C-alpha atoms as a PDB file:
ATOM      1  CA  MET A   1      11.985  17.171 -24.511  1.00  0.00           C
ATOM      2  CA  THR A   2       8.495  15.839 -25.264  1.00  0.00           C
ATOM      3  CA  GLY A   3       9.300  12.540 -23.566  1.00  0.00           C
ATOM      4  CA  TYR A   4      10.359  14.414 -20.408  1.00  0.00           C
ATOM      5  CA  VAL A   5       7.090  16.352 -20.281  1.00  0.00           C
ATOM      6  CA  ASP A   6       5.045  13.213 -20.896  1.00  0.00           C
ATOM      7  CA  GLU A   7       6.958  11.396 -18.147  1.00  0.00           C
ATOM      8  CA  ASN A   8       6.333  14.214 -15.659  1.00  0.00           C
ATOM      9  CA  ALA A   9       2.638  14.318 -16.541  1.00  0.00           C
ATOM     10  CA  TYR A  10       2.410  10.541 -16.132  1.00  0.00           C
ATOM     11  CA  ASN A  11       4.176  10.659 -12.739  1.00  0.00           C
ATOM     12  CA  ASN A  12       1.951  13.481 -11.539  1.00  0.00           C
ATOM     13  CA  GLU A  13      -1.144  11.541 -12.620  1.00  0.00           C
ATOM     14  CA  GLN A  14       0.110   8.445 -10.820  1.00  0.00           C
ATOM     15  CA  GLY A  15       0.662  10.470  -7.656  1.00  0.00           C
ATOM     16  CA  ALA A  16      -2.866  11.856  -7.833  1.00  0.00           C
ATOM     17  CA  ARG A  17      -4.226   8.346  -8.222  1.00  0.00           C
ATOM     18  CA  ALA A  18      -2.250   7.175  -5.189  1.00  0.00           C
ATOM     19  CA  ARG A  19      -3.561  10.089  -3.087  1.00  0.00           C
ATOM     20  CA  LYS A  20      -7.115   9.229  -4.093  1.00  0.00           C
ATOM     21  CA  LEU A  21      -6.531   5.593  -3.158  1.00  0.00           C
ATOM     22  CA  PHE A  22      -5.282   6.561   0.308  1.00  0.00           C
ATOM     23  CA  ALA A  23      -8.136   9.041   0.703  1.00  0.00           C
ATOM     24  CA  ALA A  24     -10.507   6.139   0.081  1.00  0.00           C
ATOM     25  CA  VAL A  25      -8.788   4.224   2.857  1.00  0.00           C
ATOM     26  CA  VAL A  26      -9.355   7.197   5.205  1.00  0.00           C
ATOM     27  CA  LEU A  27     -13.048   7.280   4.242  1.00  0.00           C
ATOM     28  CA  ALA A  28     -13.319   3.524   4.890  1.00  0.00           C
ATOM     29  CA  ALA A  29     -11.706   3.980   8.327  1.00  0.00           C
ATOM     30  CA  LEU A  30     -14.247   6.716   9.059  1.00  0.00           C
ATOM     31  CA  ASP A  31     -17.130   4.453   8.010  1.00  0.00           C
ATOM     32  CA  ASP A  32     -15.780   1.652  10.213  1.00  0.00           C
ATOM     33  CA  ALA A  33     -15.498   4.032  13.170  1.00  0.00           C
ATOM     34  CA  ILE A  34     -19.054   5.274  12.586  1.00  0.00           C
ATOM     35  CA  ALA A  35     -20.273   1.648  12.549  1.00  0.00           C
ATOM     36  CA  ASP A  36     -18.360   1.014  15.800  1.00  0.00           C
ATOM     37  CA  ASP A  37     -19.841   4.142  17.308  1.00  0.00           C
ATOM     38  CA  LYS A  38     -23.398   3.006  16.511  1.00  0.00           C
ATOM     39  CA  LYS A  39     -22.734  -0.534  17.742  1.00  0.00           C
ATOM     40  CA  TYR A  40     -20.415  -0.048  20.723  1.00  0.00           C
ATOM     41  CA  GLY A  41     -20.377   3.717  21.359  1.00  0.00           C
ATOM     42  CA  ASN A  42     -16.587   4.066  21.023  1.00  0.00           C
ATOM     43  CA  GLY A  43     -16.160   5.140  17.395  1.00  0.00           C
ATOM     44  CA  ALA A  44     -14.566   8.509  18.156  1.00  0.00           C
ATOM     45  CA  GLU A  45     -11.906   6.882  20.330  1.00  0.00           C
ATOM     46  CA  VAL A  46     -11.281   4.212  17.657  1.00  0.00           C
ATOM     47  CA  ILE A  47     -10.669   6.749  14.885  1.00  0.00           C
ATOM     48  CA  ALA A  48      -8.484   8.865  17.201  1.00  0.00           C
ATOM     49  CA  ARG A  49      -6.384   5.855  18.141  1.00  0.00           C
ATOM     50  CA  TRP A  50      -6.031   4.890  14.458  1.00  0.00           C
ATOM     51  CA  ALA A  51      -5.143   8.424  13.323  1.00  0.00           C
ATOM     52  CA  ARG A  52      -2.474   8.738  16.040  1.00  0.00           C
ATOM     53  CA  SER A  53      -0.974   5.335  15.253  1.00  0.00           C
ATOM     54  CA  ARG A  54       1.991   4.933  12.935  1.00  0.00           C
ATOM     55  CA  ASP A  55      -0.124   3.321  10.235  1.00  0.00           C
ATOM     56  CA  GLY A  56      -2.819   5.942  10.520  1.00  0.00           C
ATOM     57  CA  ARG A  57      -0.337   8.782  10.265  1.00  0.00           C
ATOM     58  CA  GLU A  58       1.225   7.131   7.236  1.00  0.00           C
ATOM     59  CA  VAL A  59      -2.126   6.709   5.473  1.00  0.00           C
ATOM     60  CA  LEU A  60      -3.176  10.290   6.273  1.00  0.00           C
ATOM     61  CA  THR A  61       0.130  11.602   4.940  1.00  0.00           C
ATOM     62  CA  CYS A  62      -0.158   9.577   1.758  1.00  0.00           C
ATOM     63  CA  ALA A  63      -3.699  10.897   1.319  1.00  0.00           C
ATOM     64  CA  GLY A  64      -2.321  14.445   1.459  1.00  0.00           C
ATOM     65  CA  ILE A  65      -3.635  15.141   4.948  1.00  0.00           C
ATOM     66  CA  ASP A  66      -1.318  16.542   7.621  1.00  0.00           C
ATOM     67  CA  PRO A  67      -1.696  14.112  10.570  1.00  0.00           C
ATOM     68  CA  ASN A  68      -1.850  16.741  13.336  1.00  0.00           C
ATOM     69  CA  GLU A  69      -4.075  16.972  16.389  1.00  0.00           C
ATOM     70  CA  ARG A  70      -6.503  19.310  14.675  1.00  0.00           C
ATOM     71  CA  VAL A  71      -7.147  16.665  12.036  1.00  0.00           C
ATOM     72  CA  VAL A  72      -7.664  14.016  14.730  1.00  0.00           C
ATOM     73  CA  THR A  73     -10.210  16.243  16.449  1.00  0.00           C
ATOM     74  CA  GLY A  74     -12.018  16.793  13.150  1.00  0.00           C
ATOM     75  CA  LEU A  75     -12.154  13.079  12.434  1.00  0.00           C
ATOM     76  CA  MET A  76     -13.541  12.449  15.918  1.00  0.00           C
ATOM     77  CA  GLU A  77     -16.198  15.096  15.434  1.00  0.00           C
ATOM     78  CA  PHE A  78     -17.155  13.609  12.059  1.00  0.00           C
ATOM     79  CA  VAL A  79     -17.604  10.216  13.656  1.00  0.00           C
ATOM     80  CA  ARG A  80     -19.697  11.690  16.482  1.00  0.00           C
ATOM     81  CA  ARG A  81     -22.094  13.183  13.943  1.00  0.00           C
ATOM     82  CA  GLY A  82     -22.764   9.641  12.712  1.00  0.00           C
ATOM     83  CA  VAL A  83     -23.288  10.517   9.042  1.00  0.00           C
ATOM     84  CA  ARG A  84     -21.736   7.943   6.709  1.00  0.00           C
ATOM     85  CA  THR A  85     -19.124   9.323   4.331  1.00  0.00           C
ATOM     86  CA  SER A  86     -21.099   8.466   1.203  1.00  0.00           C
ATOM     87  CA  VAL A  87     -24.041  10.493   2.531  1.00  0.00           C
ATOM     88  CA  ALA A  88     -21.890  13.348   3.835  1.00  0.00           C
ATOM     89  CA  LEU A  89     -20.183  13.732   0.464  1.00  0.00           C
ATOM     90  CA  SER A  90     -23.425  13.702  -1.538  1.00  0.00           C
ATOM     91  CA  ARG A  91     -24.867  16.818  -3.057  1.00  0.00           C
ATOM     92  CA  GLU A  92     -28.218  16.346  -1.332  1.00  0.00           C
ATOM     93  CA  GLU A  93     -26.630  16.318   2.093  1.00  0.00           C
ATOM     94  CA  SER A  94     -24.579  19.454   1.426  1.00  0.00           C
ATOM     95  CA  GLU A  95     -27.646  21.279   0.139  1.00  0.00           C
ATOM     96  CA  ARG A  96     -29.681  20.166   3.185  1.00  0.00           C
ATOM     97  CA  ARG A  97     -26.915  21.350   5.512  1.00  0.00           C
ATOM     98  CA  GLN A  98     -26.667  24.674   3.723  1.00  0.00           C
ATOM     99  CA  GLN A  99     -30.429  25.169   3.899  1.00  0.00           C
ATOM    100  CA  ALA A 100     -30.395  24.382   7.637  1.00  0.00           C
ATOM    101  CA  GLU A 101     -27.655  26.958   8.185  1.00  0.00           C
ATOM    102  CA  LEU A 102     -29.575  29.602   6.282  1.00  0.00           C
ATOM    103  CA  GLU A 103     -32.722  28.909   8.335  1.00  0.00           C
ATOM    104  CA  ALA A 104     -30.732  29.067  11.565  1.00  0.00           C
ATOM    105  CA  GLN A 105     -29.260  32.455  10.538  1.00  0.00           C
ATOM    106  CA  ALA A 106     -32.706  33.794   9.610  1.00  0.00           C
ATOM    107  CA  ALA A 107     -34.199  32.792  12.981  1.00  0.00           C
END
């Protein structure tokens, strides 16, 4: 019985690692689209085309993200903001964003 539990825990851990790996691929695609947006001005269209493609849908699914149109719209909006993923995921950026929202509500 112990071997069965250990095997399930190992498989679950492996699945979590695979999801994280595919999530990193999604973040890299977002960074590439942001770079394209700054250089050529077409980053939102690039990420939308990728997310709607067979490969993009497969990567999003493996990352645990449902590849629907709402997700595509969210990815496009993220690219339009132009904030790199490493900055957007940092604590300083989230605190700055939260402070800006509080100031906007107070005004």
